[in-house]
Amino acid sequence: MPPPLLVTFAAGAAGSWQIDRLAPVVGEGLAPAARLSVLEGPQPPPAEAAWALRGSTSNPRYTTRAELDRLGAVQQGLGRPQARCAALIPIRKTEAWWALAQDERRAILEETSRHIAIGLEYLPAVARRLHHGRELGEPFDFLTWFEYAPADAAAFEELVARLRATPEWGFVDREVDLRLSR
């Protein structure tokens, strides 16, 4: 397990990713911007950033050993040359979600909603990395970063639609959807 990695997603006039779409799904959106930088490590965002969201990678929290093994067998890393499309989906869950015990959240996440099982169906085409922001006092609990090839864009849209149709998404009170390209 690699050590936690602090990541800052900074939007503004510069950055390696072009923001093609920035839309609120639930709740308040984010200020418009043209580009996005993904800064790994303790780097401050540029002073002229329209906004910056921070999150940290962490240990798997709701994943069983068997699921981790299946994910590890097919998940590909970020930065693949053919992955010229990306998505950043910041999500905040309701206080009702956080009032549940971890086993209750796990039951909703996987036994009821099949979040992990659905995600596995789209690997290795869609690479992803989850960042936790709640413990950092950030406005979003989770920042999920996805990368995929243009040929896999329809599959990614299907993945997101399926996840948003699950009971787990009833606990989301803020979500923004950013689509990017390079």
N, C-alpha and C. Protein backbone atom coordinates (compact mmCIF):
# COMPACT_ATOMS: atom_id res chain seq x y z
N MET A 1 0.85 -1.18 0.00
CA MET A 1 0.00 0.00 0.00
C MET A 1 0.88 1.24 0.00
N PRO A 2 0.77 2.08 -1.02
CA PRO A 2 1.58 3.30 -1.05
C PRO A 2 1.14 4.26 0.06
N PRO A 3 2.05 5.13 0.49
CA PRO A 3 1.66 6.11 1.52
C PRO A 3 0.62 7.07 0.97
N PRO A 4 -0.15 7.71 1.86
CA PRO A 4 -1.15 8.68 1.39
C PRO A 4 -0.50 9.78 0.55
N LEU A 5 -1.24 10.23 -0.44
CA LEU A 5 -0.76 11.26 -1.35
C LEU A 5 -1.76 12.41 -1.33
N LEU A 6 -1.30 13.60 -0.97
CA LEU A 6 -2.14 14.79 -1.03
C LEU A 6 -2.19 15.26 -2.47
N VAL A 7 -3.40 15.52 -2.98
CA VAL A 7 -3.58 15.98 -4.35
C VAL A 7 -4.46 17.23 -4.33
N THR A 8 -4.05 18.24 -5.07
CA THR A 8 -4.84 19.46 -5.22
C THR A 8 -5.26 19.59 -6.68
N PHE A 9 -6.56 19.76 -6.88
CA PHE A 9 -7.11 20.01 -8.20
C PHE A 9 -7.38 21.50 -8.26
N ALA A 10 -6.62 22.22 -9.09
CA ALA A 10 -6.71 23.68 -9.15
C ALA A 10 -7.20 24.10 -10.53
N ALA A 11 -8.28 24.88 -10.55
CA ALA A 11 -8.87 25.35 -11.80
C ALA A 11 -8.50 26.79 -12.04
N GLY A 12 -8.24 27.11 -13.30
CA GLY A 12 -7.90 28.48 -13.65
C GLY A 12 -7.64 28.61 -15.14
N ALA A 13 -6.74 29.52 -15.49
CA ALA A 13 -6.41 29.76 -16.89
C ALA A 13 -5.33 28.82 -17.40
N ALA A 14 -4.60 28.14 -16.49
CA ALA A 14 -3.50 27.25 -16.89
C ALA A 14 -3.74 25.87 -16.30
N GLY A 15 -3.11 24.89 -16.91
CA GLY A 15 -3.20 23.52 -16.42
C GLY A 15 -3.12 22.55 -17.57
N SER A 16 -2.74 21.33 -17.28
CA SER A 16 -2.54 20.34 -18.34
C SER A 16 -3.85 19.77 -18.89
N TRP A 17 -4.97 20.00 -18.21
CA TRP A 17 -6.26 19.49 -18.66
C TRP A 17 -7.17 20.66 -19.04
N GLN A 18 -7.81 20.55 -20.19
CA GLN A 18 -8.83 21.51 -20.61
C GLN A 18 -10.16 21.10 -19.99
N ILE A 19 -10.88 22.04 -19.38
CA ILE A 19 -12.20 21.74 -18.83
C ILE A 19 -13.22 21.90 -19.96
N ASP A 20 -13.81 20.79 -20.36
CA ASP A 20 -14.79 20.78 -21.44
C ASP A 20 -16.20 21.00 -20.92
N ARG A 21 -16.45 20.55 -19.69
CA ARG A 21 -17.77 20.70 -19.08
C ARG A 21 -17.60 20.77 -17.58
N LEU A 22 -18.31 21.68 -16.94
CA LEU A 22 -18.31 21.81 -15.49
C LEU A 22 -19.76 22.08 -15.10
N ALA A 23 -20.42 21.08 -14.51
CA ALA A 23 -21.85 21.21 -14.25
C ALA A 23 -22.21 20.68 -12.87
N PRO A 24 -23.04 21.42 -12.13
CA PRO A 24 -23.55 20.87 -10.88
C PRO A 24 -24.53 19.75 -11.18
N VAL A 25 -24.49 18.70 -10.39
CA VAL A 25 -25.43 17.59 -10.50
C VAL A 25 -26.44 17.70 -9.37
N VAL A 26 -25.94 17.92 -8.16
CA VAL A 26 -26.77 18.12 -6.97
C VAL A 26 -26.13 19.26 -6.18
N GLY A 27 -26.92 20.24 -5.79
CA GLY A 27 -26.40 21.33 -4.97
C GLY A 27 -25.61 22.34 -5.77
N GLU A 28 -24.82 23.11 -5.04
CA GLU A 28 -24.06 24.23 -5.60
C GLU A 28 -22.92 23.73 -6.50
N GLY A 29 -22.68 24.45 -7.60
CA GLY A 29 -21.60 24.12 -8.52
C GLY A 29 -20.28 24.74 -8.10
N LEU A 30 -19.39 24.89 -9.05
CA LEU A 30 -18.09 25.53 -8.86
C LEU A 30 -17.95 26.64 -9.89
N ALA A 31 -17.10 27.61 -9.59
CA ALA A 31 -16.88 28.72 -10.52
C ALA A 31 -16.32 28.19 -11.84
N PRO A 32 -16.71 28.80 -12.95
CA PRO A 32 -16.19 28.35 -14.25
C PRO A 32 -14.69 28.62 -14.37
N ALA A 33 -14.04 27.78 -15.15
CA ALA A 33 -12.60 27.92 -15.42
C ALA A 33 -12.31 27.20 -16.73
N ALA A 34 -11.18 27.51 -17.33
CA ALA A 34 -10.81 26.93 -18.62
C ALA A 34 -9.93 25.69 -18.50
N ARG A 35 -9.08 25.63 -17.48
CA ARG A 35 -8.09 24.56 -17.38
C ARG A 35 -8.04 24.02 -15.95
N LEU A 36 -7.45 22.83 -15.80
CA LEU A 36 -7.31 22.20 -14.49
C LEU A 36 -5.89 21.66 -14.35
N SER A 37 -5.28 21.96 -13.22
CA SER A 37 -3.98 21.38 -12.85
C SER A 37 -4.22 20.33 -11.78
N VAL A 38 -3.48 19.24 -11.86
CA VAL A 38 -3.51 18.20 -10.84
C VAL A 38 -2.14 18.22 -10.17
N LEU A 39 -2.11 18.71 -8.94
CA LEU A 39 -0.85 18.91 -8.23
C LEU A 39 -0.70 17.84 -7.16
N GLU A 40 0.31 17.02 -7.28
CA GLU A 40 0.54 15.96 -6.31
C GLU A 40 1.56 16.40 -5.28
N GLY A 41 1.29 16.10 -4.01
CA GLY A 41 2.18 16.49 -2.93
C GLY A 41 1.75 17.83 -2.34
N PRO A 42 2.52 18.33 -1.40
CA PRO A 42 2.13 19.56 -0.69
C PRO A 42 2.45 20.84 -1.47
N GLN A 43 1.90 20.94 -2.67
CA GLN A 43 2.10 22.13 -3.51
C GLN A 43 0.91 23.07 -3.33
N PRO A 44 1.17 24.34 -3.12
CA PRO A 44 0.04 25.27 -3.04
C PRO A 44 -0.54 25.51 -4.44
N PRO A 45 -1.85 25.76 -4.51
CA PRO A 45 -2.43 26.06 -5.82
C PRO A 45 -1.95 27.43 -6.29
N PRO A 46 -1.97 27.68 -7.59
CA PRO A 46 -1.60 29.01 -8.08
C PRO A 46 -2.48 30.09 -7.45
N ALA A 47 -1.91 31.24 -7.19
CA ALA A 47 -2.65 32.33 -6.54
C ALA A 47 -3.86 32.76 -7.36
N GLU A 48 -3.78 32.62 -8.68
CA GLU A 48 -4.87 33.05 -9.54
C GLU A 48 -5.92 31.96 -9.78
N ALA A 49 -5.86 30.85 -9.06
CA ALA A 49 -6.82 29.76 -9.25
C ALA A 49 -8.24 30.23 -8.94
N ALA A 50 -9.18 29.82 -9.79
CA ALA A 50 -10.60 30.12 -9.56
C ALA A 50 -11.11 29.35 -8.36
N TRP A 51 -10.60 28.15 -8.19
CA TRP A 51 -10.89 27.32 -7.03
C TRP A 51 -9.87 26.19 -6.96
N ALA A 52 -9.73 25.62 -5.78
CA ALA A 52 -8.82 24.48 -5.57
C ALA A 52 -9.50 23.52 -4.60
N LEU A 53 -9.48 22.25 -4.95
CA LEU A 53 -10.03 21.20 -4.09
C LEU A 53 -8.91 20.25 -3.72
N ARG A 54 -8.83 19.91 -2.43
CA ARG A 54 -7.78 19.00 -1.97
C ARG A 54 -8.38 17.70 -1.47
N GLY A 55 -7.62 16.65 -1.66
CA GLY A 55 -7.99 15.34 -1.14
C GLY A 55 -6.73 14.51 -0.98
N SER A 56 -6.86 13.46 -0.22
CA SER A 56 -5.72 12.58 0.02
C SER A 56 -6.13 11.14 -0.28
N THR A 57 -5.21 10.42 -0.92
CA THR A 57 -5.45 9.00 -1.08
C THR A 57 -5.38 8.38 0.31
N SER A 58 -5.93 7.20 0.45
CA SER A 58 -6.00 6.59 1.78
C SER A 58 -6.07 5.08 1.63
N ASN A 59 -6.11 4.43 2.78
CA ASN A 59 -6.31 2.99 2.77
C ASN A 59 -7.74 2.68 2.31
N PRO A 60 -7.95 1.51 1.71
CA PRO A 60 -9.32 1.14 1.31
C PRO A 60 -10.21 1.03 2.55
N ARG A 61 -11.36 1.65 2.51
CA ARG A 61 -12.22 1.72 3.70
C ARG A 61 -13.41 0.77 3.66
N TYR A 62 -13.93 0.49 2.50
CA TYR A 62 -15.13 -0.35 2.41
C TYR A 62 -14.92 -1.58 1.54
N THR A 63 -13.68 -1.91 1.25
CA THR A 63 -13.36 -2.96 0.29
C THR A 63 -12.87 -4.22 1.00
N THR A 64 -13.41 -5.36 0.60
CA THR A 64 -12.96 -6.64 1.16
C THR A 64 -11.65 -7.06 0.49
N ARG A 65 -10.97 -8.02 1.06
CA ARG A 65 -9.73 -8.54 0.47
C ARG A 65 -9.99 -9.08 -0.93
N ALA A 66 -11.07 -9.84 -1.11
CA ALA A 66 -11.37 -10.40 -2.43
C ALA A 66 -11.60 -9.29 -3.45
N GLU A 67 -12.29 -8.22 -3.06
CA GLU A 67 -12.51 -7.10 -3.97
C GLU A 67 -11.21 -6.38 -4.30
N LEU A 68 -10.37 -6.19 -3.28
CA LEU A 68 -9.07 -5.56 -3.52
C LEU A 68 -8.24 -6.38 -4.50
N ASP A 69 -8.27 -7.69 -4.35
CA ASP A 69 -7.51 -8.56 -5.26
C ASP A 69 -8.04 -8.45 -6.68
N ARG A 70 -9.38 -8.44 -6.84
CA ARG A 70 -9.96 -8.31 -8.19
C ARG A 70 -9.63 -6.95 -8.79
N LEU A 71 -9.75 -5.89 -8.00
CA LEU A 71 -9.40 -4.56 -8.48
C LEU A 71 -7.93 -4.49 -8.89
N GLY A 72 -7.06 -5.03 -8.05
CA GLY A 72 -5.62 -5.00 -8.33
C GLY A 72 -5.24 -5.78 -9.58
N ALA A 73 -6.01 -6.81 -9.89
CA ALA A 73 -5.71 -7.64 -11.05
C ALA A 73 -6.04 -6.94 -12.37
N VAL A 74 -6.98 -5.99 -12.36
CA VAL A 74 -7.40 -5.39 -13.63
C VAL A 74 -7.22 -3.88 -13.70
N GLN A 75 -7.11 -3.20 -12.57
CA GLN A 75 -6.97 -1.74 -12.56
C GLN A 75 -5.65 -1.33 -13.21
N GLN A 76 -5.72 -0.36 -14.10
CA GLN A 76 -4.50 0.19 -14.68
C GLN A 76 -4.25 1.55 -14.06
N GLY A 77 -3.02 1.99 -14.14
CA GLY A 77 -2.62 3.25 -13.54
C GLY A 77 -3.08 4.46 -14.33
N LEU A 78 -2.93 5.60 -13.69
CA LEU A 78 -3.22 6.87 -14.34
C LEU A 78 -2.07 7.25 -15.26
N GLY A 79 -2.33 8.20 -16.15
CA GLY A 79 -1.27 8.71 -17.01
C GLY A 79 -1.00 7.89 -18.25
N ARG A 80 -1.87 6.97 -18.59
CA ARG A 80 -1.67 6.19 -19.82
C ARG A 80 -1.78 7.13 -21.03
N PRO A 81 -0.90 7.00 -22.01
CA PRO A 81 -0.91 7.93 -23.16
C PRO A 81 -2.26 7.98 -23.89
N GLN A 82 -2.94 6.85 -24.00
CA GLN A 82 -4.22 6.84 -24.73
C GLN A 82 -5.36 7.44 -23.92
N ALA A 83 -5.18 7.65 -22.63
CA ALA A 83 -6.23 8.20 -21.76
C ALA A 83 -6.20 9.73 -21.87
N ARG A 84 -6.79 10.24 -22.93
CA ARG A 84 -6.79 11.69 -23.17
C ARG A 84 -8.06 12.36 -22.65
N CYS A 85 -8.94 11.58 -22.04
CA CYS A 85 -10.15 12.11 -21.42
C CYS A 85 -10.07 11.85 -19.92
N ALA A 86 -10.67 12.77 -19.16
CA ALA A 86 -10.69 12.61 -17.71
C ALA A 86 -11.99 13.17 -17.17
N ALA A 87 -12.28 12.79 -15.93
CA ALA A 87 -13.42 13.37 -15.21
C ALA A 87 -13.00 13.54 -13.76
N LEU A 88 -13.42 14.63 -13.18
CA LEU A 88 -13.28 14.86 -11.75
C LEU A 88 -14.69 15.00 -11.23
N ILE A 89 -15.05 14.15 -10.26
CA ILE A 89 -16.39 14.20 -9.70
C ILE A 89 -16.27 14.37 -8.18
N PRO A 90 -16.39 15.63 -7.71
CA PRO A 90 -16.41 15.89 -6.28
C PRO A 90 -17.82 15.60 -5.72
N ILE A 91 -17.85 14.92 -4.57
CA ILE A 91 -19.12 14.52 -3.95
C ILE A 91 -19.07 14.81 -2.46
N ARG A 92 -20.18 15.31 -1.94
CA ARG A 92 -20.36 15.42 -0.49
C ARG A 92 -21.59 14.59 -0.13
N LYS A 93 -21.43 13.76 0.89
CA LYS A 93 -22.53 12.93 1.37
C LYS A 93 -23.25 13.65 2.52
N THR A 94 -24.47 13.24 2.77
CA THR A 94 -25.29 13.86 3.80
C THR A 94 -24.80 13.48 5.20
N GLU A 95 -25.24 14.25 6.18
CA GLU A 95 -24.91 13.91 7.57
C GLU A 95 -25.53 12.57 7.95
N ALA A 96 -26.67 12.21 7.34
CA ALA A 96 -27.27 10.91 7.61
C ALA A 96 -26.33 9.77 7.22
N TRP A 97 -25.59 9.95 6.14
CA TRP A 97 -24.60 8.95 5.72
C TRP A 97 -23.52 8.78 6.78
N TRP A 98 -22.99 9.91 7.24
CA TRP A 98 -21.89 9.87 8.20
C TRP A 98 -22.35 9.44 9.59
N ALA A 99 -23.65 9.50 9.86
CA ALA A 99 -24.18 9.02 11.15
C ALA A 99 -24.26 7.50 11.19
N LEU A 100 -24.21 6.85 10.03
CA LEU A 100 -24.24 5.39 9.96
C LEU A 100 -22.91 4.81 10.42
N ALA A 101 -22.95 3.61 10.96
CA ALA A 101 -21.72 2.89 11.29
C ALA A 101 -21.06 2.43 9.99
N GLN A 102 -19.76 2.15 10.05
CA GLN A 102 -19.04 1.78 8.82
C GLN A 102 -19.65 0.54 8.16
N ASP A 103 -20.08 -0.45 8.95
CA ASP A 103 -20.67 -1.64 8.34
C ASP A 103 -22.01 -1.31 7.66
N GLU A 104 -22.74 -0.33 8.18
CA GLU A 104 -23.99 0.09 7.54
C GLU A 104 -23.70 0.81 6.23
N ARG A 105 -22.67 1.65 6.22
CA ARG A 105 -22.29 2.32 4.97
C ARG A 105 -21.82 1.30 3.94
N ARG A 106 -21.04 0.32 4.37
CA ARG A 106 -20.57 -0.74 3.47
C ARG A 106 -21.76 -1.49 2.87
N ALA A 107 -22.75 -1.79 3.68
CA ALA A 107 -23.93 -2.52 3.19
C ALA A 107 -24.64 -1.73 2.09
N ILE A 108 -24.78 -0.42 2.29
CA ILE A 108 -25.43 0.41 1.27
C ILE A 108 -24.54 0.50 0.04
N LEU A 109 -23.25 0.72 0.24
CA LEU A 109 -22.31 0.90 -0.85
C LEU A 109 -22.24 -0.33 -1.75
N GLU A 110 -22.09 -1.50 -1.16
CA GLU A 110 -21.84 -2.68 -1.99
C GLU A 110 -22.98 -3.68 -2.00
N GLU A 111 -23.47 -4.08 -0.85
CA GLU A 111 -24.50 -5.12 -0.85
C GLU A 111 -25.79 -4.63 -1.52
N THR A 112 -26.15 -3.36 -1.31
CA THR A 112 -27.36 -2.81 -1.91
C THR A 112 -27.09 -2.17 -3.26
N SER A 113 -26.08 -1.30 -3.33
CA SER A 113 -25.84 -0.51 -4.54
C SER A 113 -24.86 -1.14 -5.52
N ARG A 114 -24.04 -2.07 -5.07
CA ARG A 114 -23.07 -2.77 -5.92
C ARG A 114 -22.05 -1.81 -6.54
N HIS A 115 -21.65 -0.78 -5.79
CA HIS A 115 -20.73 0.25 -6.28
C HIS A 115 -19.43 -0.37 -6.80
N ILE A 116 -18.80 -1.21 -6.02
CA ILE A 116 -17.52 -1.81 -6.41
C ILE A 116 -17.72 -2.77 -7.58
N ALA A 117 -18.75 -3.60 -7.52
CA ALA A 117 -19.01 -4.56 -8.59
C ALA A 117 -19.28 -3.85 -9.92
N ILE A 118 -20.04 -2.76 -9.87
CA ILE A 118 -20.30 -2.00 -11.10
C ILE A 118 -18.99 -1.42 -11.64
N GLY A 119 -18.20 -0.81 -10.77
CA GLY A 119 -16.93 -0.24 -11.21
C GLY A 119 -16.01 -1.27 -11.85
N LEU A 120 -15.99 -2.48 -11.30
CA LEU A 120 -15.14 -3.54 -11.85
C LEU A 120 -15.49 -3.87 -13.31
N GLU A 121 -16.74 -3.69 -13.67
CA GLU A 121 -17.17 -4.01 -15.04
C GLU A 121 -16.52 -3.09 -16.07
N TYR A 122 -16.02 -1.94 -15.64
CA TYR A 122 -15.48 -0.94 -16.57
C TYR A 122 -13.95 -0.87 -16.53
N LEU A 123 -13.34 -1.77 -15.80
CA LEU A 123 -11.88 -1.85 -15.76
C LEU A 123 -11.41 -2.84 -16.82
N PRO A 124 -10.29 -2.65 -17.41
CA PRO A 124 -9.27 -1.63 -17.18
C PRO A 124 -9.47 -0.36 -18.00
N ALA A 125 -10.54 -0.26 -18.80
CA ALA A 125 -10.71 0.89 -19.69
C ALA A 125 -10.72 2.21 -18.92
N VAL A 126 -11.36 2.24 -17.78
CA VAL A 126 -11.48 3.45 -16.98
C VAL A 126 -10.59 3.30 -15.74
N ALA A 127 -9.55 4.10 -15.66
CA ALA A 127 -8.68 4.12 -14.48
C ALA A 127 -9.24 5.16 -13.51
N ARG A 128 -9.09 4.91 -12.22
CA ARG A 128 -9.62 5.86 -11.26
C ARG A 128 -8.76 5.90 -10.00
N ARG A 129 -8.86 7.05 -9.31
CA ARG A 129 -8.20 7.20 -8.01
C ARG A 129 -9.11 8.04 -7.14
N LEU A 130 -9.36 7.54 -5.94
CA LEU A 130 -10.23 8.21 -4.97
C LEU A 130 -9.40 9.03 -4.00
N HIS A 131 -9.88 10.24 -3.73
CA HIS A 131 -9.24 11.16 -2.79
C HIS A 131 -10.25 11.53 -1.72
N HIS A 132 -9.84 11.51 -0.48
CA HIS A 132 -10.72 11.84 0.66
C HIS A 132 -10.46 13.28 1.09
N GLY A 133 -11.52 14.07 1.19
CA GLY A 133 -11.39 15.46 1.58
C GLY A 133 -12.03 15.80 2.92
N ARG A 134 -12.91 14.94 3.40
CA ARG A 134 -13.66 15.23 4.63
C ARG A 134 -12.72 15.48 5.81
N GLU A 135 -11.73 14.63 5.98
CA GLU A 135 -10.81 14.76 7.12
C GLU A 135 -9.92 15.99 7.00
N LEU A 136 -9.85 16.57 5.81
CA LEU A 136 -9.03 17.77 5.58
C LEU A 136 -9.85 19.05 5.74
N GLY A 137 -11.16 18.90 6.06
CA GLY A 137 -12.01 20.07 6.20
C GLY A 137 -12.41 20.69 4.86
N GLU A 138 -12.34 19.91 3.81
CA GLU A 138 -12.66 20.38 2.46
C GLU A 138 -14.17 20.38 2.24
N PRO A 139 -14.64 21.09 1.22
CA PRO A 139 -16.09 21.17 0.97
C PRO A 139 -16.69 19.88 0.39
N PHE A 140 -15.85 18.97 -0.10
CA PHE A 140 -16.33 17.70 -0.63
C PHE A 140 -15.69 16.55 0.16
N ASP A 141 -16.46 15.50 0.39
CA ASP A 141 -15.96 14.33 1.10
C ASP A 141 -15.05 13.49 0.22
N PHE A 142 -15.42 13.39 -1.06
CA PHE A 142 -14.67 12.54 -2.00
C PHE A 142 -14.43 13.31 -3.29
N LEU A 143 -13.23 13.13 -3.84
CA LEU A 143 -12.88 13.63 -5.16
C LEU A 143 -12.43 12.40 -5.95
N THR A 144 -13.23 11.99 -6.91
CA THR A 144 -12.84 10.83 -7.70
C THR A 144 -12.35 11.31 -9.05
N TRP A 145 -11.14 10.87 -9.39
CA TRP A 145 -10.49 11.23 -10.65
C TRP A 145 -10.50 10.00 -11.54
N PHE A 146 -10.99 10.16 -12.76
CA PHE A 146 -11.07 9.09 -13.74
C PHE A 146 -10.28 9.49 -14.98
N GLU A 147 -9.62 8.53 -15.63
CA GLU A 147 -8.98 8.75 -16.92
C GLU A 147 -9.37 7.60 -17.85
N TYR A 148 -9.60 7.95 -19.14
CA TYR A 148 -10.01 6.95 -20.11
C TYR A 148 -9.72 7.46 -21.52
N ALA A 149 -9.67 6.55 -22.45
CA ALA A 149 -9.44 6.90 -23.86
C ALA A 149 -10.74 7.44 -24.46
N PRO A 150 -10.65 8.29 -25.48
CA PRO A 150 -11.86 8.79 -26.14
C PRO A 150 -12.80 7.66 -26.58
N ALA A 151 -12.25 6.54 -27.01
CA ALA A 151 -13.08 5.41 -27.45
C ALA A 151 -13.90 4.82 -26.31
N ASP A 152 -13.52 5.10 -25.06
CA ASP A 152 -14.24 4.56 -23.89
C ASP A 152 -15.16 5.58 -23.24
N ALA A 153 -15.38 6.72 -23.90
CA ALA A 153 -16.21 7.78 -23.31
C ALA A 153 -17.65 7.31 -23.08
N ALA A 154 -18.23 6.57 -24.01
CA ALA A 154 -19.61 6.10 -23.84
C ALA A 154 -19.70 5.13 -22.67
N ALA A 155 -18.70 4.28 -22.52
CA ALA A 155 -18.69 3.35 -21.37
C ALA A 155 -18.58 4.12 -20.06
N PHE A 156 -17.78 5.18 -20.04
CA PHE A 156 -17.68 5.98 -18.82
C PHE A 156 -19.02 6.63 -18.49
N GLU A 157 -19.71 7.16 -19.49
CA GLU A 157 -21.03 7.77 -19.25
C GLU A 157 -22.00 6.74 -18.68
N GLU A 158 -21.94 5.54 -19.19
CA GLU A 158 -22.80 4.45 -18.69
C GLU A 158 -22.46 4.13 -17.24
N LEU A 159 -21.17 4.05 -16.91
CA LEU A 159 -20.73 3.78 -15.55
C LEU A 159 -21.31 4.82 -14.59
N VAL A 160 -21.15 6.09 -14.91
CA VAL A 160 -21.61 7.17 -14.04
C VAL A 160 -23.13 7.12 -13.88
N ALA A 161 -23.85 6.88 -14.97
CA ALA A 161 -25.31 6.80 -14.90
C ALA A 161 -25.75 5.65 -14.00
N ARG A 162 -25.10 4.52 -14.13
CA ARG A 162 -25.47 3.36 -13.30
C ARG A 162 -25.21 3.65 -11.82
N LEU A 163 -24.08 4.27 -11.51
CA LEU A 163 -23.78 4.57 -10.10
C LEU A 163 -24.76 5.60 -9.53
N ARG A 164 -25.13 6.59 -10.32
CA ARG A 164 -26.07 7.62 -9.84
C ARG A 164 -27.48 7.06 -9.65
N ALA A 165 -27.78 5.91 -10.23
CA ALA A 165 -29.11 5.32 -10.10
C ALA A 165 -29.23 4.39 -8.90
N THR A 166 -28.18 4.28 -8.09
CA THR A 166 -28.19 3.36 -6.95
C THR A 166 -28.71 4.02 -5.68
N PRO A 167 -29.13 3.23 -4.69
CA PRO A 167 -29.57 3.78 -3.41
C PRO A 167 -28.50 4.62 -2.71
N GLU A 168 -27.23 4.29 -2.93
CA GLU A 168 -26.14 5.06 -2.31
C GLU A 168 -26.24 6.54 -2.68
N TRP A 169 -26.62 6.84 -3.92
CA TRP A 169 -26.66 8.23 -4.37
C TRP A 169 -27.77 9.04 -3.70
N GLY A 170 -28.66 8.37 -2.99
CA GLY A 170 -29.65 9.09 -2.19
C GLY A 170 -29.02 9.82 -1.03
N PHE A 171 -27.78 9.51 -0.72
CA PHE A 171 -27.05 10.14 0.38
C PHE A 171 -26.14 11.27 -0.10
N VAL A 172 -26.20 11.63 -1.36
CA VAL A 172 -25.36 12.69 -1.91
C VAL A 172 -26.14 14.00 -1.84
N ASP A 173 -25.55 15.03 -1.20
CA ASP A 173 -26.22 16.33 -1.16
C ASP A 173 -25.48 17.41 -1.95
N ARG A 174 -24.30 17.07 -2.48
CA ARG A 174 -23.61 17.98 -3.39
C ARG A 174 -22.72 17.15 -4.31
N GLU A 175 -22.84 17.41 -5.60
CA GLU A 175 -22.01 16.73 -6.60
C GLU A 175 -21.82 17.64 -7.78
N VAL A 176 -20.59 17.71 -8.25
CA VAL A 176 -20.24 18.49 -9.44
C VAL A 176 -19.56 17.52 -10.42
N ASP A 177 -19.82 17.71 -11.68
CA ASP A 177 -19.29 16.82 -12.72
C ASP A 177 -18.42 17.65 -13.67
N LEU A 178 -17.13 17.34 -13.70
CA LEU A 178 -16.20 17.99 -14.62
C LEU A 178 -15.72 16.98 -15.62
N ARG A 179 -15.74 17.34 -16.90
CA ARG A 179 -15.20 16.50 -17.96
C ARG A 179 -14.05 17.28 -18.59
N LEU A 180 -12.96 16.55 -18.83
CA LEU A 180 -11.72 17.19 -19.27
C LEU A 180 -11.10 16.45 -20.42
N SER A 181 -10.18 17.14 -21.12
CA SER A 181 -9.43 16.50 -22.20
C SER A 181 -8.04 17.10 -22.26
N ARG A 182 -7.13 16.35 -22.89
CA ARG A 182 -5.78 16.87 -23.11
C ARG A 182 -5.32 16.48 -24.50
